[in-house]
């Protein structure tokens, strides 16, 4: 009678789960039901969000990702004319209609004839815009250059020289800019400062000026810092999507970062490992394939979980109160049911992130099988002793 009760399937299943919960039955992690129950009931992790992966969730996360690209954050910056600033080195050339009445008799060395009715240009010694943004021009006095374009400053000088020079025409040339530049640093061949021109140099132009990146393109991330805003994007994305190759602005800092991303896979998968992936990103479907798929003998296809820390506003959270980490992020467990054929389409759109943890739970029958192994490993020796004494 006792043996018949032990071998009743229902009793075995209950016993298997009880022993598994107590930690007596060996396991690589919690079962599907344990993940769901602990996340909602345990006071230690109260407020952890369990989110079923569906099309709506995936599209919400994709929209949030698109709002962080360079074209959205920096690309709408209006093109502005290059202005002068402190430290710029300027060369000023003045033309007078013949006969020259001012510079022609000022003892300054005239330049070659322009070919226009014998008019000649007088090139003044190059000067640096001082810390106050001012510059001294002979016979014109002290003028403000900071914040003015080259053409505007040329007109300012010509206006000051009217009545002193004979029909003056002024050309200002920037010999060296101390303000209109972008800095390229990080994992590049040679860190450099790229002088920006009216042609509006772009991100890839700056990287080319620095000799390109030293590491693999698919494992390199480009960080752009502009006016206190910092945003990162995989280099491969910038190359593939021309919209992300945005024009640089003065004092931009472009940093090339070698960042081999990875996720951890645990539980009843083909292998338990830390798996690297490209900065461009991979989908959950690809991640499952790289992890060797599910272990047919152990895995519960309804218990695929992705553990991640999300931004506080990433999704509308159903479970309240929302648990938050010290840095303001929300612990989330995404749940995927591979018994649903539609979930395979969802897994092809859900993007893995750096430091995600994928966990594949054991199937109930796997727990039962472990329990049976424990029972029989202890029962058979006992039965053998009993039979031997008869």
Protein backbone atom coordinates (compact mmCIF):
# COMPACT_ATOMS: atom_id res chain seq x y z
CA UNK A 1 0.00 0.00 0.00
CA UNK A 2 2.75 2.46 0.92
CA UNK A 3 4.63 1.85 -2.32
CA UNK A 4 1.43 2.27 -4.37
CA UNK A 5 0.84 5.68 -2.76
CA UNK A 6 4.39 6.76 -3.47
CA UNK A 7 4.07 5.95 -7.15
CA UNK A 8 0.81 7.80 -7.71
CA UNK A 9 1.58 10.45 -10.42
CA UNK A 10 -0.20 13.31 -8.65
CA UNK A 11 1.60 12.62 -5.39
CA UNK A 12 4.92 12.41 -7.21
CA UNK A 13 4.37 15.72 -8.98
CA UNK A 14 3.44 17.52 -5.77
CA UNK A 15 6.41 16.03 -4.00
CA UNK A 16 8.74 17.00 -6.85
CA UNK A 17 7.67 20.64 -6.72
CA UNK A 18 7.86 20.71 -2.94
CA UNK A 19 11.37 19.29 -2.89
CA UNK A 20 12.43 21.59 -5.72
CA UNK A 21 11.14 24.63 -3.82
CA UNK A 22 13.06 23.49 -0.76
CA UNK A 23 16.25 23.17 -2.81
CA UNK A 24 16.52 19.41 -2.29
CA UNK A 25 16.06 18.59 -5.98
CA UNK A 26 19.00 20.02 -7.97
CA UNK A 27 18.06 22.82 -10.37
CA UNK A 28 19.75 25.50 -12.48
CA UNK A 29 17.24 28.10 -11.31
CA UNK A 30 13.58 28.79 -10.53
CA UNK A 31 10.68 27.25 -12.37
CA UNK A 32 8.28 29.38 -14.42
CA UNK A 33 5.75 29.49 -11.58
CA UNK A 34 8.42 30.39 -9.03
CA UNK A 35 9.57 33.38 -11.11
CA UNK A 36 6.01 34.65 -11.44
CA UNK A 37 5.07 34.07 -7.79
CA UNK A 38 8.26 35.50 -6.30
CA UNK A 39 8.10 38.65 -8.39
CA UNK A 40 4.62 39.47 -7.12
CA UNK A 41 4.64 38.15 -3.55
CA UNK A 42 8.15 38.30 -2.14
CA UNK A 43 8.72 41.40 0.04
CA UNK A 44 12.40 41.30 -0.89
CA UNK A 45 11.68 42.11 -4.53
CA UNK A 46 8.23 43.66 -4.34
CA UNK A 47 7.35 45.76 -7.37
CA UNK A 48 9.51 43.95 -9.92
CA UNK A 49 7.63 44.10 -13.18
CA UNK A 50 6.69 41.00 -15.20
CA UNK A 51 5.86 41.99 -18.78
CA UNK A 52 4.54 39.59 -21.41
CA UNK A 53 6.31 40.18 -24.71
CA UNK A 54 3.83 41.07 -27.41
CA UNK A 55 3.72 43.34 -30.45
CA UNK A 56 2.57 46.36 -28.44
CA UNK A 57 5.43 46.10 -25.93
CA UNK A 58 8.03 45.58 -28.65
CA UNK A 59 6.82 48.55 -30.70
CA UNK A 60 6.83 50.78 -27.60
CA UNK A 61 10.44 49.85 -26.87
CA UNK A 62 11.43 50.39 -30.51
CA UNK A 63 9.87 53.87 -30.52
CA UNK A 64 11.82 54.76 -27.40
CA UNK A 65 15.03 53.54 -29.06
CA UNK A 66 14.41 55.63 -32.20
CA UNK A 67 14.10 58.76 -30.06
CA UNK A 68 17.71 58.36 -28.95
CA UNK A 69 19.38 58.43 -32.37
CA UNK A 70 21.61 61.26 -33.58
CA UNK A 71 19.23 62.40 -36.33
CA UNK A 72 16.45 62.97 -33.78
CA UNK A 73 18.51 64.56 -31.01
CA UNK A 74 21.15 66.52 -32.94
CA UNK A 75 20.06 66.45 -36.57
CA UNK A 76 17.53 69.27 -36.34
CA UNK A 77 20.21 71.81 -35.41
CA UNK A 78 19.97 74.63 -37.90
CA UNK A 79 23.05 75.37 -39.95
CA UNK A 80 24.60 78.58 -38.64
CA UNK A 81 27.21 80.78 -40.26
CA UNK A 82 30.71 80.44 -38.88
CA UNK A 83 31.36 83.30 -36.45
CA UNK A 84 34.57 84.74 -35.10
CA UNK A 85 35.72 84.25 -31.52
CA UNK A 86 38.57 84.91 -29.14
CA UNK A 87 41.83 83.38 -30.31
CA UNK A 88 41.01 83.39 -34.04
CA UNK A 89 43.88 84.53 -36.25
CA UNK A 90 42.70 86.95 -38.94
CA UNK A 91 44.30 88.47 -42.03
CA UNK A 92 42.78 91.73 -43.30
CA UNK A 93 43.25 93.01 -46.86
CA UNK A 94 42.16 96.55 -47.84
CA UNK A 95 41.62 97.82 -51.36
CA UNK A 96 41.43 101.50 -52.28
CA UNK A 97 40.35 102.93 -55.59
CA UNK A 98 43.23 104.85 -57.27
CA UNK A 99 44.67 107.15 -56.36
CA UNK A 100 45.04 105.56 -52.91
CA UNK A 101 44.76 108.29 -50.32
CA UNK A 102 45.17 106.39 -47.05
CA UNK A 103 46.95 103.05 -47.14
CA UNK A 104 48.90 104.01 -50.23
CA UNK A 105 50.76 106.59 -48.16
CA UNK A 106 50.68 104.83 -44.81
CA UNK A 107 53.97 103.08 -45.24
CA UNK A 108 52.30 99.63 -45.38
CA UNK A 109 53.54 97.16 -47.97
CA UNK A 110 50.97 96.88 -50.77
CA UNK A 111 50.11 93.50 -52.27
CA UNK A 112 50.27 92.71 -55.98
CA UNK A 113 48.04 94.70 -58.29
CA UNK A 114 44.51 93.40 -58.52
CA UNK A 115 44.22 94.22 -62.20
CA UNK A 116 41.23 96.50 -61.65
CA UNK A 117 42.20 99.98 -62.90
CA UNK A 118 45.55 99.68 -61.13
CA UNK A 119 44.03 99.27 -57.67
CA UNK A 120 46.24 97.53 -55.15
CA UNK A 121 45.51 95.59 -51.98
CA UNK A 122 47.23 96.36 -48.72
CA UNK A 123 47.57 93.29 -46.50
CA UNK A 124 47.69 94.11 -42.81
CA UNK A 125 49.71 91.92 -40.43
CA UNK A 126 47.70 88.95 -39.11
CA UNK A 127 46.13 89.59 -35.73
CA UNK A 128 44.55 87.45 -33.03
CA UNK A 129 41.12 88.34 -31.66
CA UNK A 130 41.76 89.15 -28.01
CA UNK A 131 39.94 87.72 -24.98
CA UNK A 132 37.44 90.59 -25.12
CA UNK A 133 36.57 89.68 -28.70
CA UNK A 134 38.14 92.87 -30.06
CA UNK A 135 40.76 93.58 -32.72
CA UNK A 136 42.66 96.77 -33.70
CA UNK A 137 42.59 97.89 -37.34
CA UNK A 138 44.78 100.82 -38.44
CA UNK A 139 42.74 103.98 -39.09
CA UNK A 140 39.52 102.11 -38.15
CA UNK A 141 40.24 101.74 -34.46
CA UNK A 142 39.17 98.99 -32.11
CA UNK A 143 36.33 96.84 -33.46
CA UNK A 144 34.36 93.90 -32.08
CA UNK A 145 34.99 90.72 -34.04
CA UNK A 146 33.48 88.14 -31.65
CA UNK A 147 30.12 86.88 -32.77
CA UNK A 148 30.45 88.40 -36.24
CA UNK A 149 30.82 86.42 -39.45
CA UNK A 150 33.82 87.09 -41.68
CA UNK A 151 31.64 89.00 -44.16
CA UNK A 152 29.97 91.04 -41.44
CA UNK A 153 33.33 91.98 -39.94
CA UNK A 154 34.65 92.96 -43.40
CA UNK A 155 31.72 95.34 -43.84
CA UNK A 156 32.26 96.77 -40.35
CA UNK A 157 35.86 97.65 -41.20
CA UNK A 158 34.93 99.15 -44.57
CA UNK A 159 32.26 101.29 -42.91
CA UNK A 160 34.82 102.62 -40.40
CA UNK A 161 37.25 103.48 -43.22
CA UNK A 162 34.75 105.48 -45.25
CA UNK A 163 35.77 109.09 -45.47
CA UNK A 164 39.37 108.12 -44.68
CA UNK A 165 40.24 105.75 -47.50
CA UNK A 166 39.27 106.14 -51.15
CA UNK A 167 36.27 103.84 -51.75
CA UNK A 168 37.64 101.11 -49.44
CA UNK A 169 36.88 97.44 -49.97
CA UNK A 170 37.86 94.98 -47.23
CA UNK A 171 38.37 91.23 -47.23
CA UNK A 172 38.92 89.34 -43.96
CA UNK A 173 40.40 85.85 -44.11
CA UNK A 174 40.52 83.46 -41.16
CA UNK A 175 44.04 82.09 -41.07
CA UNK A 176 43.42 79.81 -38.11
CA UNK A 177 40.26 79.18 -36.13
CA UNK A 178 40.44 78.69 -32.38
CA UNK A 179 36.69 78.14 -31.92
CA UNK A 180 35.14 76.40 -34.91
CA UNK A 181 36.44 72.89 -34.40
CA UNK A 182 35.39 69.45 -33.24
CA UNK A 183 37.50 67.12 -31.11
CA UNK A 184 37.90 63.44 -31.98
CA UNK A 185 39.22 61.17 -29.22
CA UNK A 186 38.96 57.60 -28.00
CA UNK A 187 39.75 54.43 -29.88
CA UNK A 188 40.92 56.15 -33.08
CA UNK A 189 44.25 55.99 -34.83
CA UNK A 190 45.17 59.54 -33.84
CA UNK A 191 43.15 61.89 -31.64
CA UNK A 192 42.76 65.22 -33.40
CA UNK A 193 40.94 68.52 -33.65
CA UNK A 194 39.00 68.95 -36.87
CA UNK A 195 38.59 72.52 -38.07
CA UNK A 196 35.04 73.10 -39.27
CA UNK A 197 34.38 75.00 -42.46
CA UNK A 198 31.33 76.30 -44.25
CA UNK A 199 31.14 72.89 -45.93
CA UNK A 200 29.81 71.47 -42.64
CA UNK A 201 32.00 68.45 -41.91
CA UNK A 202 30.14 65.37 -40.70
CA UNK A 203 30.77 62.60 -38.18
CA UNK A 204 32.41 60.23 -40.63
CA UNK A 205 34.58 63.09 -41.96
CA UNK A 206 35.86 63.67 -38.43
CA UNK A 207 36.62 59.97 -37.92
CA UNK A 208 38.46 59.87 -41.25
CA UNK A 209 40.55 62.89 -40.19
CA UNK A 210 41.53 60.94 -37.07
CA UNK A 211 42.70 57.99 -39.17
CA UNK A 212 39.60 55.89 -38.55
CA UNK A 213 38.81 53.60 -35.63
CA UNK A 214 41.30 50.98 -34.43
CA UNK A 215 38.81 48.25 -33.53
CA UNK A 216 36.19 46.34 -35.48
CA UNK A 217 33.44 48.55 -36.84
CA UNK A 218 30.69 46.28 -35.54
CA UNK A 219 32.03 46.51 -31.97
CA UNK A 220 32.63 50.29 -31.92
CA UNK A 221 30.22 52.85 -30.48
CA UNK A 222 30.37 56.56 -31.28
CA UNK A 223 29.54 58.97 -28.47
CA UNK A 224 28.71 62.56 -29.37
CA UNK A 225 28.82 65.31 -26.75
CA UNK A 226 27.23 68.65 -27.66
CA UNK A 227 26.26 71.47 -25.30
CA UNK A 228 25.91 69.13 -22.32
CA UNK A 229 23.94 66.48 -24.23
CA UNK A 230 25.61 63.06 -24.55
CA UNK A 231 24.31 60.33 -26.83
CA UNK A 232 25.80 57.11 -28.20
CA UNK A 233 25.14 55.14 -31.36
CA UNK A 234 26.84 52.11 -32.94
CA UNK A 235 29.27 53.10 -35.69
CA UNK A 236 27.70 50.49 -37.94
CA UNK A 237 24.36 52.30 -37.64
CA UNK A 238 25.95 55.62 -38.66
CA UNK A 239 27.51 53.97 -41.70
CA UNK A 240 24.33 52.19 -42.77
CA UNK A 241 21.93 55.06 -42.10
CA UNK A 242 23.07 58.32 -43.79
CA UNK A 243 20.67 60.33 -41.59
CA UNK A 244 22.83 59.53 -38.55
CA UNK A 245 25.94 60.95 -40.22
CA UNK A 246 25.00 64.42 -38.99
CA UNK A 247 26.87 67.67 -39.49
CA UNK A 248 29.19 68.66 -36.66
CA UNK A 249 28.84 71.84 -34.63
CA UNK A 250 31.64 73.89 -33.03
CA UNK A 251 33.11 72.30 -29.89
CA UNK A 252 31.50 68.91 -30.49
CA UNK A 253 33.39 66.02 -28.90
CA UNK A 254 33.33 62.75 -30.87
CA UNK A 255 34.49 59.73 -28.85
CA UNK A 256 35.04 56.29 -30.38
CA UNK A 257 34.46 53.56 -27.79
CA UNK A 258 35.33 49.89 -28.18
CA UNK A 259 32.37 48.21 -26.49
CA UNK A 260 31.90 44.48 -27.05
CA UNK A 261 28.34 44.00 -25.84
CA UNK A 262 27.22 40.73 -24.25
CA UNK A 263 24.30 38.97 -22.57
CA UNK A 264 24.21 36.06 -20.12
CA UNK A 265 22.22 32.92 -20.80
CA UNK A 266 21.30 30.56 -17.95
CA UNK A 267 19.00 27.63 -17.33
CA UNK A 268 17.74 24.99 -19.74
CA UNK A 269 19.33 26.36 -22.90
CA UNK A 270 21.78 24.72 -25.26
CA UNK A 271 24.65 26.31 -23.32
CA UNK A 272 25.10 28.54 -20.27
CA UNK A 273 27.53 31.28 -21.16
CA UNK A 274 28.26 34.99 -21.59
CA UNK A 275 27.66 35.61 -25.30
CA UNK A 276 29.09 38.63 -27.09
CA UNK A 277 27.21 40.45 -29.82
CA UNK A 278 27.71 43.39 -32.14
CA UNK A 279 27.12 47.01 -31.11
CA UNK A 280 24.50 47.12 -33.86
CA UNK A 281 22.46 44.76 -31.68
CA UNK A 282 20.75 41.39 -32.12
CA UNK A 283 17.18 40.23 -31.67
CA UNK A 284 15.89 37.79 -29.07
CA UNK A 285 15.48 35.22 -31.83
CA UNK A 286 19.16 35.53 -32.74
CA UNK A 287 20.14 35.41 -29.07
CA UNK A 288 18.27 32.14 -28.59
CA UNK A 289 20.01 30.69 -31.62
CA UNK A 290 23.46 31.76 -30.37
CA UNK A 291 22.65 30.17 -27.02
CA UNK A 292 22.08 26.84 -28.76
CA UNK A 293 18.30 27.01 -28.58
CA UNK A 294 16.31 25.21 -25.88
CA UNK A 295 17.31 21.96 -24.26
CA UNK A 296 14.62 19.53 -25.45
CA UNK A 297 14.99 17.34 -22.37
CA UNK A 298 14.64 20.13 -19.81
CA UNK A 299 13.32 23.44 -21.17
CA UNK A 300 9.86 24.89 -20.60
CA UNK A 301 9.06 26.77 -23.83
CA UNK A 302 6.49 28.84 -21.95
CA UNK A 303 9.13 30.02 -19.47
CA UNK A 304 11.63 32.15 -21.43
CA UNK A 305 12.59 35.21 -19.35
CA UNK A 306 14.73 38.28 -20.04
CA UNK A 307 15.93 40.11 -16.92
CA UNK A 308 16.69 43.80 -17.53
CA UNK A 309 16.88 47.20 -15.87
CA UNK A 310 14.73 49.68 -17.80
CA UNK A 311 14.26 53.43 -17.69
CA UNK A 312 11.47 54.54 -15.37
CA UNK A 313 9.36 55.77 -18.32
CA UNK A 314 10.08 52.90 -20.72
CA UNK A 315 6.63 51.31 -20.36
CA UNK A 316 3.37 51.88 -18.46
CA UNK A 317 3.91 49.66 -15.43
CA UNK A 318 0.97 47.54 -14.29
CA UNK A 319 2.34 46.43 -10.94
CA UNK A 320 2.31 49.11 -8.24
CA UNK A 321 4.27 50.27 -6.37
CA UNK A 322 7.11 50.21 -8.87
CA UNK A 323 10.42 49.02 -7.47
CA UNK A 324 13.32 51.24 -8.52
CA UNK A 325 17.07 50.88 -8.16
CA UNK A 326 19.38 53.51 -6.69
CA UNK A 327 20.05 54.96 -10.15
CA UNK A 328 16.34 55.29 -10.98
CA UNK A 329 15.86 52.22 -13.14
CA UNK A 330 13.10 49.60 -12.96
CA UNK A 331 13.84 45.83 -12.71
CA UNK A 332 11.82 44.12 -15.42
CA UNK A 333 11.30 40.45 -16.29
CA UNK A 334 10.12 40.03 -19.88
CA UNK A 335 8.27 36.74 -20.43
CA UNK A 336 8.07 34.90 -23.75
CA UNK A 337 5.80 31.94 -24.52
CA UNK A 338 7.27 29.94 -27.41
CA UNK A 339 4.20 27.67 -27.40
CA UNK A 340 2.47 30.57 -29.15
CA UNK A 341 3.53 30.61 -32.84
CA UNK A 342 3.12 34.39 -32.92
CA UNK A 343 5.86 34.75 -30.33
CA UNK A 344 8.45 33.83 -32.96
CA UNK A 345 7.61 37.04 -34.82
CA UNK A 346 7.81 39.02 -31.59
CA UNK A 347 11.23 37.52 -30.81
CA UNK A 348 12.50 38.76 -34.19
CA UNK A 349 11.69 42.36 -33.22
CA UNK A 350 12.66 42.43 -29.55
CA UNK A 351 16.25 43.75 -29.30
CA UNK A 352 18.69 42.42 -26.73
CA UNK A 353 20.73 44.93 -24.72
CA UNK A 354 24.12 44.86 -23.13
CA UNK A 355 24.15 42.95 -19.79
CA UNK A 356 20.72 41.38 -20.32
CA UNK A 357 20.22 37.99 -18.66
CA UNK A 358 18.23 35.33 -20.51
CA UNK A 359 16.87 32.51 -18.36
CA UNK A 360 15.15 29.37 -19.66
CA UNK A 361 13.20 27.61 -16.92
CA UNK A 362 12.90 23.86 -16.49
CA UNK A 363 9.76 22.07 -17.59
CA UNK A 364 7.64 20.47 -14.80
CA UNK A 365 8.37 17.00 -16.18
CA UNK A 366 12.11 17.70 -15.81
CA UNK A 367 11.59 18.39 -12.11
CA UNK A 368 9.56 15.20 -11.85
CA UNK A 369 12.29 13.24 -13.58
CA UNK A 370 14.90 14.55 -11.13
CA UNK A 371 12.65 13.60 -8.24
CA UNK A 372 12.13 10.12 -9.64
CA UNK A 373 15.89 9.71 -10.01
CA UNK A 374 16.31 10.64 -6.35
CA UNK A 375 13.55 8.28 -5.28
CA UNK A 376 14.84 5.32 -7.25
CA UNK A 377 18.46 5.94 -6.34
CA UNK A 378 17.44 5.62 -2.67
CA UNK A 379 14.64 3.05 -3.11
CA UNK A 380 16.36 0.37 -5.15
CA UNK A 381 19.16 -0.32 -2.64
CA UNK A 382 16.53 -0.61 0.10
CA UNK A 383 14.43 -3.05 -1.93
CA UNK A 384 17.51 -5.08 -2.75
CA UNK A 385 18.33 -5.43 0.97
CA UNK A 386 14.76 -6.44 1.76
CA UNK A 387 14.74 -9.06 -1.01
CA UNK A 388 18.09 -10.40 0.18
CA UNK A 389 16.82 -10.98 3.73
CA UNK A 390 13.77 -12.92 2.66
